[in-house]
Amino acid sequence: MVLFQARARRRHFSLGLVGIITGLFLLRRFDLNAKGVPRFTMHGATTLKADPNAVHTYLENGHLEVNPNGTHPILELIANAQEKWKQKMERASKTLEEAVQEYKRRYKRPPPKGFDDW
């Protein structure tokens, strides 16, 4: 039983170590360009042969018209989503009084019993 536990501990340690090394390796490859849009690098050279000034067009129907000379669109979408989330968090209530005011504004009624414990 003790031998089995020692092997299991070694296996968990080895898998954890491999995971950490892989994570660090991937983090080294992840970088942000001057606009704050992520890009992936390989041995210090950018793997994306893209014009950093090329922009994608957002259509009224919600679709994205991709500029083939630009970076991969998912990277721009991620950066935009992160900026929107940051702005949302800045607007969030910071105190109980602000939260109560916002609740009353939204729902036209006082908050429920125990609201202050949330």
PDB file of N, CA and C in Angstrom:
ATOM      1  N   MET A   1       0.830  -1.196   0.000  1.00  0.00           N
ATOM      2  CA  MET A   1       0.000   0.000   0.000  1.00  0.00           C
ATOM      3  C   MET A   1       0.867   1.250   0.000  1.00  0.00           C
ATOM      4  N   VAL A   2       1.909   1.271   0.825  1.00  0.00           N
ATOM      5  CA  VAL A   2       2.800   2.416   0.911  1.00  0.00           C
ATOM      6  C   VAL A   2       3.540   2.605  -0.408  1.00  0.00           C
ATOM      7  N   LEU A   3       3.954   1.511  -1.033  1.00  0.00           N
ATOM      8  CA  LEU A   3       4.646   1.585  -2.320  1.00  0.00           C
ATOM      9  C   LEU A   3       3.731   2.187  -3.387  1.00  0.00           C
ATOM     10  N   PHE A   4       2.461   1.783  -3.381  1.00  0.00           N
ATOM     11  CA  PHE A   4       1.498   2.329  -4.343  1.00  0.00           C
ATOM     12  C   PHE A   4       1.318   3.829  -4.154  1.00  0.00           C
ATOM     13  N   GLN A   5       1.233   4.282  -2.893  1.00  0.00           N
ATOM     14  CA  GLN A   5       1.070   5.708  -2.612  1.00  0.00           C
ATOM     15  C   GLN A   5       2.296   6.502  -3.052  1.00  0.00           C
ATOM     16  N   ALA A   6       3.482   5.941  -2.864  1.00  0.00           N
ATOM     17  CA  ALA A   6       4.709   6.626  -3.280  1.00  0.00           C
ATOM     18  C   ALA A   6       4.737   6.775  -4.800  1.00  0.00           C
ATOM     19  N   ARG A   7       4.337   5.715  -5.513  1.00  0.00           N
ATOM     20  CA  ARG A   7       4.302   5.797  -6.979  1.00  0.00           C
ATOM     21  C   ARG A   7       3.281   6.827  -7.439  1.00  0.00           C
ATOM     22  N   ALA A   8       2.127   6.870  -6.801  1.00  0.00           N
ATOM     23  CA  ALA A   8       1.078   7.820  -7.167  1.00  0.00           C
ATOM     24  C   ALA A   8       1.566   9.252  -6.923  1.00  0.00           C
ATOM     25  N   ARG A   9       2.253   9.469  -5.790  1.00  0.00           N
ATOM     26  CA  ARG A   9       2.785  10.802  -5.509  1.00  0.00           C
ATOM     27  C   ARG A   9       3.817  11.217  -6.551  1.00  0.00           C
ATOM     28  N   ARG A  10       4.692  10.287  -6.928  1.00  0.00           N
ATOM     29  CA  ARG A  10       5.698  10.598  -7.953  1.00  0.00           C
ATOM     30  C   ARG A  10       5.035  10.905  -9.289  1.00  0.00           C
ATOM     31  N   ARG A  11       3.986  10.148  -9.637  1.00  0.00           N
ATOM     32  CA  ARG A  11       3.286  10.351 -10.896  1.00  0.00           C
ATOM     33  C   ARG A  11       2.607  11.726 -10.889  1.00  0.00           C
ATOM     34  N   HIS A  12       1.939  12.075  -9.786  1.00  0.00           N
ATOM     35  CA  HIS A  12       1.286  13.382  -9.691  1.00  0.00           C
ATOM     36  C   HIS A  12       2.308  14.516  -9.760  1.00  0.00           C
ATOM     37  N   PHE A  13       3.436  14.331  -9.078  1.00  0.00           N
ATOM     38  CA  PHE A  13       4.493  15.339  -9.115  1.00  0.00           C
ATOM     39  C   PHE A  13       5.018  15.506 -10.529  1.00  0.00           C
ATOM     40  N   SER A  14       5.265  14.392 -11.222  1.00  0.00           N
ATOM     41  CA  SER A  14       5.785  14.442 -12.591  1.00  0.00           C
ATOM     42  C   SER A  14       4.804  15.127 -13.527  1.00  0.00           C
ATOM     43  N   LEU A  15       3.521  14.781 -13.412  1.00  0.00           N
ATOM     44  CA  LEU A  15       2.515  15.413 -14.274  1.00  0.00           C
ATOM     45  C   LEU A  15       2.395  16.902 -13.973  1.00  0.00           C
ATOM     46  N   GLY A  16       2.448  17.269 -12.725  1.00  0.00           N
ATOM     47  CA  GLY A  16       2.393  18.677 -12.353  1.00  0.00           C
ATOM     48  C   GLY A  16       3.585  19.441 -12.892  1.00  0.00           C
ATOM     49  N   LEU A  17       4.766  18.849 -12.793  1.00  0.00           N
ATOM     50  CA  LEU A  17       5.979  19.476 -13.301  1.00  0.00           C
ATOM     51  C   LEU A  17       5.906  19.661 -14.816  1.00  0.00           C
ATOM     52  N   VAL A  18       5.431  18.658 -15.525  1.00  0.00           N
ATOM     53  CA  VAL A  18       5.265  18.760 -16.979  1.00  0.00           C
ATOM     54  C   VAL A  18       4.268  19.870 -17.313  1.00  0.00           C
ATOM     55  N   GLY A  19       3.181  19.964 -16.549  1.00  0.00           N
ATOM     56  CA  GLY A  19       2.193  21.008 -16.779  1.00  0.00           C
ATOM     57  C   GLY A  19       2.763  22.400 -16.572  1.00  0.00           C
ATOM     58  N   ILE A  20       3.534  22.577 -15.523  1.00  0.00           N
ATOM     59  CA  ILE A  20       4.142  23.883 -15.238  1.00  0.00           C
ATOM     60  C   ILE A  20       5.130  24.262 -16.337  1.00  0.00           C
ATOM     61  N   ILE A  21       5.967  23.322 -16.744  1.00  0.00           N
ATOM     62  CA  ILE A  21       6.950  23.605 -17.797  1.00  0.00           C
ATOM     63  C   ILE A  21       6.242  23.953 -19.103  1.00  0.00           C
ATOM     64  N   THR A  22       5.199  23.215 -19.448  1.00  0.00           N
ATOM     65  CA  THR A  22       4.440  23.497 -20.669  1.00  0.00           C
ATOM     66  C   THR A  22       3.803  24.882 -20.585  1.00  0.00           C
ATOM     67  N   GLY A  23       3.204  25.212 -19.454  1.00  0.00           N
ATOM     68  CA  GLY A  23       2.590  26.529 -19.275  1.00  0.00           C
ATOM     69  C   GLY A  23       3.602  27.654 -19.429  1.00  0.00           C
ATOM     70  N   LEU A  24       4.771  27.506 -18.818  1.00  0.00           N
ATOM     71  CA  LEU A  24       5.811  28.535 -18.934  1.00  0.00           C
ATOM     72  C   LEU A  24       6.296  28.668 -20.370  1.00  0.00           C
ATOM     73  N   PHE A  25       6.435  27.555 -21.052  1.00  0.00           N
ATOM     74  CA  PHE A  25       6.850  27.575 -22.454  1.00  0.00           C
ATOM     75  C   PHE A  25       5.835  28.340 -23.297  1.00  0.00           C
ATOM     76  N   LEU A  26       4.543  28.073 -23.085  1.00  0.00           N
ATOM     77  CA  LEU A  26       3.508  28.760 -23.851  1.00  0.00           C
ATOM     78  C   LEU A  26       3.445  30.242 -23.504  1.00  0.00           C
ATOM     79  N   LEU A  27       3.635  30.583 -22.237  1.00  0.00           N
ATOM     80  CA  LEU A  27       3.616  31.994 -21.835  1.00  0.00           C
ATOM     81  C   LEU A  27       4.741  32.785 -22.492  1.00  0.00           C
ATOM     82  N   ARG A  28       5.889  32.147 -22.689  1.00  0.00           N
ATOM     83  CA  ARG A  28       6.999  32.831 -23.359  1.00  0.00           C
ATOM     84  C   ARG A  28       6.666  33.156 -24.795  1.00  0.00           C
ATOM     85  N   ARG A  29       5.792  32.361 -25.399  1.00  0.00           N
ATOM     86  CA  ARG A  29       5.444  32.564 -26.800  1.00  0.00           C
ATOM     87  C   ARG A  29       4.340  33.593 -26.982  1.00  0.00           C
ATOM     88  N   PHE A  30       3.696  33.992 -25.886  1.00  0.00           N
ATOM     89  CA  PHE A  30       2.567  34.917 -25.941  1.00  0.00           C
ATOM     90  C   PHE A  30       3.063  36.317 -25.637  1.00  0.00           C
ATOM     91  N   ASP A  31       2.735  37.271 -26.492  1.00  0.00           N
ATOM     92  CA  ASP A  31       3.240  38.632 -26.364  1.00  0.00           C
ATOM     93  C   ASP A  31       2.154  39.596 -26.799  1.00  0.00           C
ATOM     94  N   LEU A  32       2.269  40.870 -26.452  1.00  0.00           N
ATOM     95  CA  LEU A  32       1.335  41.894 -26.907  1.00  0.00           C
ATOM     96  C   LEU A  32       2.072  42.860 -27.818  1.00  0.00           C
ATOM     97  N   ASN A  33       1.431  43.245 -28.916  1.00  0.00           N
ATOM     98  CA  ASN A  33       2.055  44.237 -29.773  1.00  0.00           C
ATOM     99  C   ASN A  33       1.780  45.634 -29.237  1.00  0.00           C
ATOM    100  N   ALA A  34       2.180  46.672 -29.944  1.00  0.00           N
ATOM    101  CA  ALA A  34       2.066  48.047 -29.466  1.00  0.00           C
ATOM    102  C   ALA A  34       0.617  48.461 -29.217  1.00  0.00           C
ATOM    103  N   LYS A  35      -0.343  47.883 -29.936  1.00  0.00           N
ATOM    104  CA  LYS A  35      -1.748  48.230 -29.761  1.00  0.00           C
ATOM    105  C   LYS A  35      -2.392  47.451 -28.621  1.00  0.00           C
ATOM    106  N   GLY A  36      -1.665  46.553 -27.992  1.00  0.00           N
ATOM    107  CA  GLY A  36      -2.235  45.745 -26.925  1.00  0.00           C
ATOM    108  C   GLY A  36      -2.942  44.507 -27.444  1.00  0.00           C
ATOM    109  N   VAL A  37      -2.796  44.228 -28.745  1.00  0.00           N
ATOM    110  CA  VAL A  37      -3.408  43.034 -29.328  1.00  0.00           C
ATOM    111  C   VAL A  37      -2.407  41.888 -29.203  1.00  0.00           C
ATOM    112  N   PRO A  38      -2.833  40.750 -28.666  1.00  0.00           N
ATOM    113  CA  PRO A  38      -1.898  39.647 -28.487  1.00  0.00           C
ATOM    114  C   PRO A  38      -1.356  39.130 -29.817  1.00  0.00           C
ATOM    115  N   ARG A  39      -0.137  38.644 -29.779  1.00  0.00           N
ATOM    116  CA  ARG A  39       0.431  37.966 -30.937  1.00  0.00           C
ATOM    117  C   ARG A  39       1.260  36.815 -30.402  1.00  0.00           C
ATOM    118  N   PHE A  40       1.486  35.827 -31.222  1.00  0.00           N
ATOM    119  CA  PHE A  40       2.276  34.691 -30.817  1.00  0.00           C
ATOM    120  C   PHE A  40       3.644  34.795 -31.468  1.00  0.00           C
ATOM    121  N   THR A  41       4.678  34.489 -30.706  1.00  0.00           N
ATOM    122  CA  THR A  41       6.026  34.579 -31.240  1.00  0.00           C
ATOM    123  C   THR A  41       6.680  33.213 -31.214  1.00  0.00           C
ATOM    124  N   MET A  42       7.644  33.032 -32.077  1.00  0.00           N
ATOM    125  CA  MET A  42       8.395  31.779 -32.152  1.00  0.00           C
ATOM    126  C   MET A  42       9.872  32.147 -32.185  1.00  0.00           C
ATOM    127  N   HIS A  43      10.598  31.795 -31.148  1.00  0.00           N
ATOM    128  CA  HIS A  43      12.027  32.089 -31.045  1.00  0.00           C
ATOM    129  C   HIS A  43      12.314  33.567 -31.258  1.00  0.00           C
ATOM    130  N   GLY A  44      11.467  34.426 -30.691  1.00  0.00           N
ATOM    131  CA  GLY A  44      11.693  35.854 -30.765  1.00  0.00           C
ATOM    132  C   GLY A  44      11.185  36.513 -32.038  1.00  0.00           C
ATOM    133  N   ALA A  45      10.804  35.732 -33.045  1.00  0.00           N
ATOM    134  CA  ALA A  45      10.292  36.308 -34.295  1.00  0.00           C
ATOM    135  C   ALA A  45       8.787  36.121 -34.342  1.00  0.00           C
ATOM    136  N   THR A  46       8.085  37.116 -34.857  1.00  0.00           N
ATOM    137  CA  THR A  46       6.638  37.032 -34.944  1.00  0.00           C
ATOM    138  C   THR A  46       6.251  36.025 -36.019  1.00  0.00           C
ATOM    139  N   THR A  47       5.391  35.079 -35.663  1.00  0.00           N
ATOM    140  CA  THR A  47       4.969  34.074 -36.638  1.00  0.00           C
ATOM    141  C   THR A  47       3.881  34.616 -37.549  1.00  0.00           C
ATOM    142  N   LEU A  48       3.207  35.692 -37.128  1.00  0.00           N
ATOM    143  CA  LEU A  48       2.168  36.291 -37.957  1.00  0.00           C
ATOM    144  C   LEU A  48       2.807  37.334 -38.855  1.00  0.00           C
ATOM    145  N   LYS A  49       2.707  37.152 -40.133  1.00  0.00           N
ATOM    146  CA  LYS A  49       3.210  38.142 -41.081  1.00  0.00           C
ATOM    147  C   LYS A  49       2.063  39.098 -41.363  1.00  0.00           C
ATOM    148  N   ALA A  50       1.801  39.989 -40.433  1.00  0.00           N
ATOM    149  CA  ALA A  50       0.633  40.851 -40.529  1.00  0.00           C
ATOM    150  C   ALA A  50       1.030  42.308 -40.400  1.00  0.00           C
ATOM    151  N   ASP A  51       0.242  43.158 -41.053  1.00  0.00           N
ATOM    152  CA  ASP A  51       0.409  44.599 -40.943  1.00  0.00           C
ATOM    153  C   ASP A  51      -0.295  45.034 -39.658  1.00  0.00           C
ATOM    154  N   PRO A  52       0.442  45.569 -38.672  1.00  0.00           N
ATOM    155  CA  PRO A  52      -0.194  45.938 -37.413  1.00  0.00           C
ATOM    156  C   PRO A  52      -1.215  47.067 -37.556  1.00  0.00           C
ATOM    157  N   ASN A  53      -1.152  47.824 -38.649  1.00  0.00           N
ATOM    158  CA  ASN A  53      -2.089  48.918 -38.862  1.00  0.00           C
ATOM    159  C   ASN A  53      -3.351  48.483 -39.603  1.00  0.00           C
ATOM    160  N   ALA A  54      -3.354  47.260 -40.134  1.00  0.00           N
ATOM    161  CA  ALA A  54      -4.524  46.758 -40.853  1.00  0.00           C
ATOM    162  C   ALA A  54      -5.630  46.454 -39.850  1.00  0.00           C
ATOM    163  N   VAL A  55      -6.846  46.908 -40.130  1.00  0.00           N
ATOM    164  CA  VAL A  55      -7.963  46.695 -39.215  1.00  0.00           C
ATOM    165  C   VAL A  55      -9.059  45.879 -39.890  1.00  0.00           C
ATOM    166  N   HIS A  56      -9.819  45.176 -39.078  1.00  0.00           N
ATOM    167  CA  HIS A  56     -10.970  44.416 -39.552  1.00  0.00           C
ATOM    168  C   HIS A  56     -12.196  45.311 -39.465  1.00  0.00           C
ATOM    169  N   THR A  57     -13.200  45.028 -40.288  1.00  0.00           N
ATOM    170  CA  THR A  57     -14.404  45.847 -40.316  1.00  0.00           C
ATOM    171  C   THR A  57     -15.544  45.113 -39.628  1.00  0.00           C
ATOM    172  N   TYR A  58     -16.189  45.783 -38.681  1.00  0.00           N
ATOM    173  CA  TYR A  58     -17.339  45.224 -37.980  1.00  0.00           C
ATOM    174  C   TYR A  58     -18.602  45.680 -38.705  1.00  0.00           C
ATOM    175  N   LEU A  59     -19.358  44.736 -39.255  1.00  0.00           N
ATOM    176  CA  LEU A  59     -20.561  45.047 -40.012  1.00  0.00           C
ATOM    177  C   LEU A  59     -21.756  45.235 -39.088  1.00  0.00           C
ATOM    178  N   GLU A  60     -22.787  45.930 -39.575  1.00  0.00           N
ATOM    179  CA  GLU A  60     -23.981  46.197 -38.765  1.00  0.00           C
ATOM    180  C   GLU A  60     -24.716  44.927 -38.362  1.00  0.00           C
ATOM    181  N   ASN A  61     -24.597  43.869 -39.163  1.00  0.00           N
ATOM    182  CA  ASN A  61     -25.303  42.623 -38.856  1.00  0.00           C
ATOM    183  C   ASN A  61     -24.554  41.773 -37.818  1.00  0.00           C
ATOM    184  N   GLY A  62     -23.459  42.320 -37.281  1.00  0.00           N
ATOM    185  CA  GLY A  62     -22.711  41.614 -36.244  1.00  0.00           C
ATOM    186  C   GLY A  62     -21.564  40.777 -36.789  1.00  0.00           C
ATOM    187  N   HIS A  63     -21.480  40.641 -38.093  1.00  0.00           N
ATOM    188  CA  HIS A  63     -20.387  39.854 -38.683  1.00  0.00           C
ATOM    189  C   HIS A  63     -19.106  40.676 -38.737  1.00  0.00           C
ATOM    190  N   LEU A  64     -18.025  39.996 -38.946  1.00  0.00           N
ATOM    191  CA  LEU A  64     -16.724  40.631 -39.014  1.00  0.00           C
ATOM    192  C   LEU A  64     -16.157  40.426 -40.413  1.00  0.00           C
ATOM    193  N   GLU A  65     -15.824  41.508 -41.100  1.00  0.00           N
ATOM    194  CA  GLU A  65     -15.166  41.411 -42.402  1.00  0.00           C
ATOM    195  C   GLU A  65     -13.670  41.425 -42.134  1.00  0.00           C
ATOM    196  N   VAL A  66     -13.029  40.317 -42.442  1.00  0.00           N
ATOM    197  CA  VAL A  66     -11.627  40.128 -42.096  1.00  0.00           C
ATOM    198  C   VAL A  66     -10.720  40.773 -43.135  1.00  0.00           C
ATOM    199  N   ASN A  67      -9.734  41.516 -42.657  1.00  0.00           N
ATOM    200  CA  ASN A  67      -8.698  42.074 -43.524  1.00  0.00           C
ATOM    201  C   ASN A  67      -7.589  41.036 -43.594  1.00  0.00           C
ATOM    202  N   PRO A  68      -7.325  40.471 -44.760  1.00  0.00           N
ATOM    203  CA  PRO A  68      -6.322  39.401 -44.855  1.00  0.00           C
ATOM    204  C   PRO A  68      -4.908  39.853 -44.498  1.00  0.00           C
ATOM    205  N   ASN A  69      -4.654  41.162 -44.506  1.00  0.00           N
ATOM    206  CA  ASN A  69      -3.327  41.672 -44.148  1.00  0.00           C
ATOM    207  C   ASN A  69      -3.183  41.916 -42.649  1.00  0.00           C
ATOM    208  N   GLY A  70      -4.271  41.784 -41.890  1.00  0.00           N
ATOM    209  CA  GLY A  70      -4.252  42.048 -40.455  1.00  0.00           C
ATOM    210  C   GLY A  70      -3.904  40.814 -39.641  1.00  0.00           C
ATOM    211  N   THR A  71      -3.860  41.020 -38.338  1.00  0.00           N
ATOM    212  CA  THR A  71      -3.618  39.903 -37.428  1.00  0.00           C
ATOM    213  C   THR A  71      -4.851  39.005 -37.416  1.00  0.00           C
ATOM    214  N   HIS A  72      -4.745  37.851 -36.798  1.00  0.00           N
ATOM    215  CA  HIS A  72      -5.884  36.931 -36.734  1.00  0.00           C
ATOM    216  C   HIS A  72      -7.017  37.624 -35.986  1.00  0.00           C
ATOM    217  N   PRO A  73      -8.241  37.557 -36.504  1.00  0.00           N
ATOM    218  CA  PRO A  73      -9.349  38.301 -35.883  1.00  0.00           C
ATOM    219  C   PRO A  73      -9.661  37.893 -34.450  1.00  0.00           C
ATOM    220  N   ILE A  74      -9.392  36.663 -34.069  1.00  0.00           N
ATOM    221  CA  ILE A  74      -9.730  36.246 -32.695  1.00  0.00           C
ATOM    222  C   ILE A  74      -8.924  37.043 -31.684  1.00  0.00           C
ATOM    223  N   LEU A  75      -7.699  37.422 -32.046  1.00  0.00           N
ATOM    224  CA  LEU A  75      -6.859  38.185 -31.126  1.00  0.00           C
ATOM    225  C   LEU A  75      -7.448  39.573 -30.879  1.00  0.00           C
ATOM    226  N   GLU A  76      -7.964  40.202 -31.932  1.00  0.00           N
ATOM    227  CA  GLU A  76      -8.603  41.501 -31.791  1.00  0.00           C
ATOM    228  C   GLU A  76      -9.909  41.384 -31.003  1.00  0.00           C
ATOM    229  N   LEU A  77     -10.662  40.314 -31.258  1.00  0.00           N
ATOM    230  CA  LEU A  77     -11.919  40.106 -30.540  1.00  0.00           C
ATOM    231  C   LEU A  77     -11.659  39.900 -29.044  1.00  0.00           C
ATOM    232  N   ILE A  78     -10.613  39.175 -28.710  1.00  0.00           N
ATOM    233  CA  ILE A  78     -10.257  38.953 -27.304  1.00  0.00           C
ATOM    234  C   ILE A  78      -9.883  40.277 -26.650  1.00  0.00           C
ATOM    235  N   ALA A  79      -9.050  41.065 -27.320  1.00  0.00           N
ATOM    236  CA  ALA A  79      -8.629  42.361 -26.757  1.00  0.00           C
ATOM    237  C   ALA A  79      -9.839  43.277 -26.552  1.00  0.00           C
ATOM    238  N   ASN A  80     -10.766  43.299 -27.523  1.00  0.00           N
ATOM    239  CA  ASN A  80     -11.976  44.126 -27.394  1.00  0.00           C
ATOM    240  C   ASN A  80     -12.834  43.663 -26.227  1.00  0.00           C
ATOM    241  N   ALA A  81     -12.991  42.349 -26.078  1.00  0.00           N
ATOM    242  CA  ALA A  81     -13.805  41.808 -24.985  1.00  0.00           C
ATOM    243  C   ALA A  81     -13.178  42.133 -23.629  1.00  0.00           C
ATOM    244  N   GLN A  82     -11.858  42.042 -23.541  1.00  0.00           N
ATOM    245  CA  GLN A  82     -11.189  42.366 -22.285  1.00  0.00           C
ATOM    246  C   GLN A  82     -11.376  43.844 -21.930  1.00  0.00           C
ATOM    247  N   GLU A  83     -11.325  44.730 -22.926  1.00  0.00           N
ATOM    248  CA  GLU A  83     -11.523  46.157 -22.682  1.00  0.00           C
ATOM    249  C   GLU A  83     -12.960  46.432 -22.233  1.00  0.00           C
ATOM    250  N   LYS A  84     -13.933  45.786 -22.874  1.00  0.00           N
ATOM    251  CA  LYS A  84     -15.335  45.965 -22.476  1.00  0.00           C
ATOM    252  C   LYS A  84     -15.562  45.478 -21.045  1.00  0.00           C
ATOM    253  N   TRP A  85     -14.954  44.355 -20.687  1.00  0.00           N
ATOM    254  CA  TRP A  85     -15.108  43.818 -19.330  1.00  0.00           C
ATOM    255  C   TRP A  85     -14.494  44.778 -18.308  1.00  0.00           C
ATOM    256  N   LYS A  86     -13.326  45.335 -18.654  1.00  0.00           N
ATOM    257  CA  LYS A  86     -12.669  46.296 -17.755  1.00  0.00           C
ATOM    258  C   LYS A  86     -13.575  47.505 -17.533  1.00  0.00           C
ATOM    259  N   GLN A  87     -14.180  48.018 -18.604  1.00  0.00           N
ATOM    260  CA  GLN A  87     -15.083  49.156 -18.485  1.00  0.00           C
ATOM    261  C   GLN A  87     -16.306  48.796 -17.641  1.00  0.00           C
ATOM    262  N   LYS A  88     -16.820  47.588 -17.813  1.00  0.00           N
ATOM    263  CA  LYS A  88     -17.987  47.143 -17.031  1.00  0.00           C
ATOM    264  C   LYS A  88     -17.641  47.083 -15.546  1.00  0.00           C
ATOM    265  N   MET A  89     -16.471  46.561 -15.222  1.00  0.00           N
ATOM    266  CA  MET A  89     -16.049  46.461 -13.821  1.00  0.00           C
ATOM    267  C   MET A  89     -15.850  47.846 -13.201  1.00  0.00           C
ATOM    268  N   GLU A  90     -15.413  48.818 -14.012  1.00  0.00           N
ATOM    269  CA  GLU A  90     -15.239  50.176 -13.499  1.00  0.00           C
ATOM    270  C   GLU A  90     -16.583  50.823 -13.168  1.00  0.00           C
ATOM    271  N   ARG A  91     -17.654  50.411 -13.869  1.00  0.00           N
ATOM    272  CA  ARG A  91     -18.990  50.968 -13.617  1.00  0.00           C
ATOM    273  C   ARG A  91     -19.712  50.258 -12.469  1.00  0.00           C
ATOM    274  N   ALA A  92     -19.204  49.128 -12.036  1.00  0.00           N
ATOM    275  CA  ALA A  92     -19.871  48.330 -11.008  1.00  0.00           C
ATOM    276  C   ALA A  92     -19.919  49.079  -9.676  1.00  0.00           C
ATOM    277  N   SER A  93     -20.932  48.773  -8.868  1.00  0.00           N
ATOM    278  CA  SER A  93     -21.090  49.388  -7.549  1.00  0.00           C
ATOM    279  C   SER A  93     -19.897  49.026  -6.678  1.00  0.00           C
ATOM    280  N   LYS A  94     -19.417  50.021  -5.953  1.00  0.00           N
ATOM    281  CA  LYS A  94     -18.269  49.798  -5.066  1.00  0.00           C
ATOM    282  C   LYS A  94     -18.701  49.709  -3.603  1.00  0.00           C
ATOM    283  N   THR A  95     -19.885  50.245  -3.275  1.00  0.00           N
ATOM    284  CA  THR A  95     -20.350  50.234  -1.889  1.00  0.00           C
ATOM    285  C   THR A  95     -21.766  49.647  -1.840  1.00  0.00           C
ATOM    286  N   LEU A  96     -22.206  49.315  -0.638  1.00  0.00           N
ATOM    287  CA  LEU A  96     -23.556  48.786  -0.450  1.00  0.00           C
ATOM    288  C   LEU A  96     -24.592  49.831  -0.862  1.00  0.00           C
ATOM    289  N   GLU A  97     -24.347  51.082  -0.520  1.00  0.00           N
ATOM    290  CA  GLU A  97     -25.297  52.151  -0.857  1.00  0.00           C
ATOM    291  C   GLU A  97     -25.472  52.268  -2.374  1.00  0.00           C
ATOM    292  N   GLU A  98     -24.354  52.202  -3.107  1.00  0.00           N
ATOM    293  CA  GLU A  98     -24.425  52.259  -4.572  1.00  0.00           C
ATOM    294  C   GLU A  98     -25.194  51.061  -5.117  1.00  0.00           C
ATOM    295  N   ALA A  99     -24.952  49.882  -4.541  1.00  0.00           N
ATOM    296  CA  ALA A  99     -25.626  48.669  -5.004  1.00  0.00           C
ATOM    297  C   ALA A  99     -27.132  48.759  -4.755  1.00  0.00           C
ATOM    298  N   VAL A 100     -27.530  49.298  -3.587  1.00  0.00           N
ATOM    299  CA  VAL A 100     -28.953  49.450  -3.266  1.00  0.00           C
ATOM    300  C   VAL A 100     -29.593  50.441  -4.229  1.00  0.00           C
ATOM    301  N   GLN A 101     -28.908  51.559  -4.488  1.00  0.00           N
ATOM    302  CA  GLN A 101     -29.431  52.550  -5.437  1.00  0.00           C
ATOM    303  C   GLN A 101     -29.633  51.928  -6.812  1.00  0.00           C
ATOM    304  N   GLU A 102     -28.646  51.176  -7.283  1.00  0.00           N
ATOM    305  CA  GLU A 102     -28.730  50.547  -8.607  1.00  0.00           C
ATOM    306  C   GLU A 102     -29.856  49.517  -8.647  1.00  0.00           C
ATOM    307  N   TYR A 103     -30.020  48.749  -7.574  1.00  0.00           N
ATOM    308  CA  TYR A 103     -31.095  47.759  -7.510  1.00  0.00           C
ATOM    309  C   TYR A 103     -32.457  48.451  -7.617  1.00  0.00           C
ATOM    310  N   LYS A 104     -32.616  49.538  -6.872  1.00  0.00           N
ATOM    311  CA  LYS A 104     -33.884  50.279  -6.912  1.00  0.00           C
ATOM    312  C   LYS A 104     -34.125  50.875  -8.298  1.00  0.00           C
ATOM    313  N   ARG A 105     -33.072  51.365  -8.937  1.00  0.00           N
ATOM    314  CA  ARG A 105     -33.213  51.944 -10.270  1.00  0.00           C
ATOM    315  C   ARG A 105     -33.642  50.881 -11.283  1.00  0.00           C
ATOM    316  N   ARG A 106     -33.018  49.721 -11.205  1.00  0.00           N
ATOM    317  CA  ARG A 106     -33.309  48.662 -12.183  1.00  0.00           C
ATOM    318  C   ARG A 106     -34.675  48.020 -11.977  1.00  0.00           C
ATOM    319  N   TYR A 107     -34.975  47.686 -10.735  1.00  0.00           N
ATOM    320  CA  TYR A 107     -36.150  46.854 -10.466  1.00  0.00           C
ATOM    321  C   TYR A 107     -37.332  47.604  -9.860  1.00  0.00           C
ATOM    322  N   LYS A 108     -37.146  48.914  -9.616  1.00  0.00           N
ATOM    323  CA  LYS A 108     -38.232  49.763  -9.097  1.00  0.00           C
ATOM    324  C   LYS A 108     -38.818  49.232  -7.794  1.00  0.00           C
ATOM    325  N   ARG A 109     -37.980  48.688  -6.958  1.00  0.00           N
ATOM    326  CA  ARG A 109     -38.396  48.152  -5.656  1.00  0.00           C
ATOM    327  C   ARG A 109     -37.171  48.044  -4.764  1.00  0.00           C
ATOM    328  N   PRO A 110     -37.364  47.979  -3.469  1.00  0.00           N
ATOM    329  CA  PRO A 110     -36.201  47.840  -2.578  1.00  0.00           C
ATOM    330  C   PRO A 110     -35.594  46.442  -2.705  1.00  0.00           C
ATOM    331  N   PRO A 111     -34.316  46.316  -2.394  1.00  0.00           N
ATOM    332  CA  PRO A 111     -33.678  44.995  -2.486  1.00  0.00           C
ATOM    333  C   PRO A 111     -34.268  44.019  -1.465  1.00  0.00           C
ATOM    334  N   PRO A 112     -34.112  42.724  -1.703  1.00  0.00           N
ATOM    335  CA  PRO A 112     -34.667  41.720  -0.795  1.00  0.00           C
ATOM    336  C   PRO A 112     -33.938  41.689   0.544  1.00  0.00           C
ATOM    337  N   LYS A 113     -34.587  41.066   1.494  1.00  0.00           N
ATOM    338  CA  LYS A 113     -34.000  40.895   2.822  1.00  0.00           C
ATOM    339  C   LYS A 113     -32.690  40.112   2.684  1.00  0.00           C
ATOM    340  N   GLY A 114     -31.660  40.563   3.376  1.00  0.00           N
ATOM    341  CA  GLY A 114     -30.366  39.884   3.315  1.00  0.00           C
ATOM    342  C   GLY A 114     -29.491  40.347   2.150  1.00  0.00           C
ATOM    343  N   PHE A 115     -29.930  41.365   1.412  1.00  0.00           N
ATOM    344  CA  PHE A 115     -29.171  41.874   0.265  1.00  0.00           C
ATOM    345  C   PHE A 115     -27.775  42.314   0.680  1.00  0.00           C
ATOM    346  N   ASP A 116     -27.661  42.877   1.876  1.00  0.00           N
ATOM    347  CA  ASP A 116     -26.364  43.370   2.340  1.00  0.00           C
ATOM    348  C   ASP A 116     -25.371  42.235   2.620  1.00  0.00           C
ATOM    349  N   ASP A 117     -25.860  41.007   2.789  1.00  0.00           N
ATOM    350  CA  ASP A 117     -24.961  39.870   3.029  1.00  0.00           C
ATOM    351  C   ASP A 117     -24.328  39.361   1.734  1.00  0.00           C
ATOM    352  N   TRP A 118     -24.932  39.730   0.598  1.00  0.00           N
ATOM    353  CA  TRP A 118     -24.381  39.269  -0.692  1.00  0.00           C
ATOM    354  C   TRP A 118     -23.078  39.963  -0.942  1.00  0.00           C
TER     355      TRP A 118
END
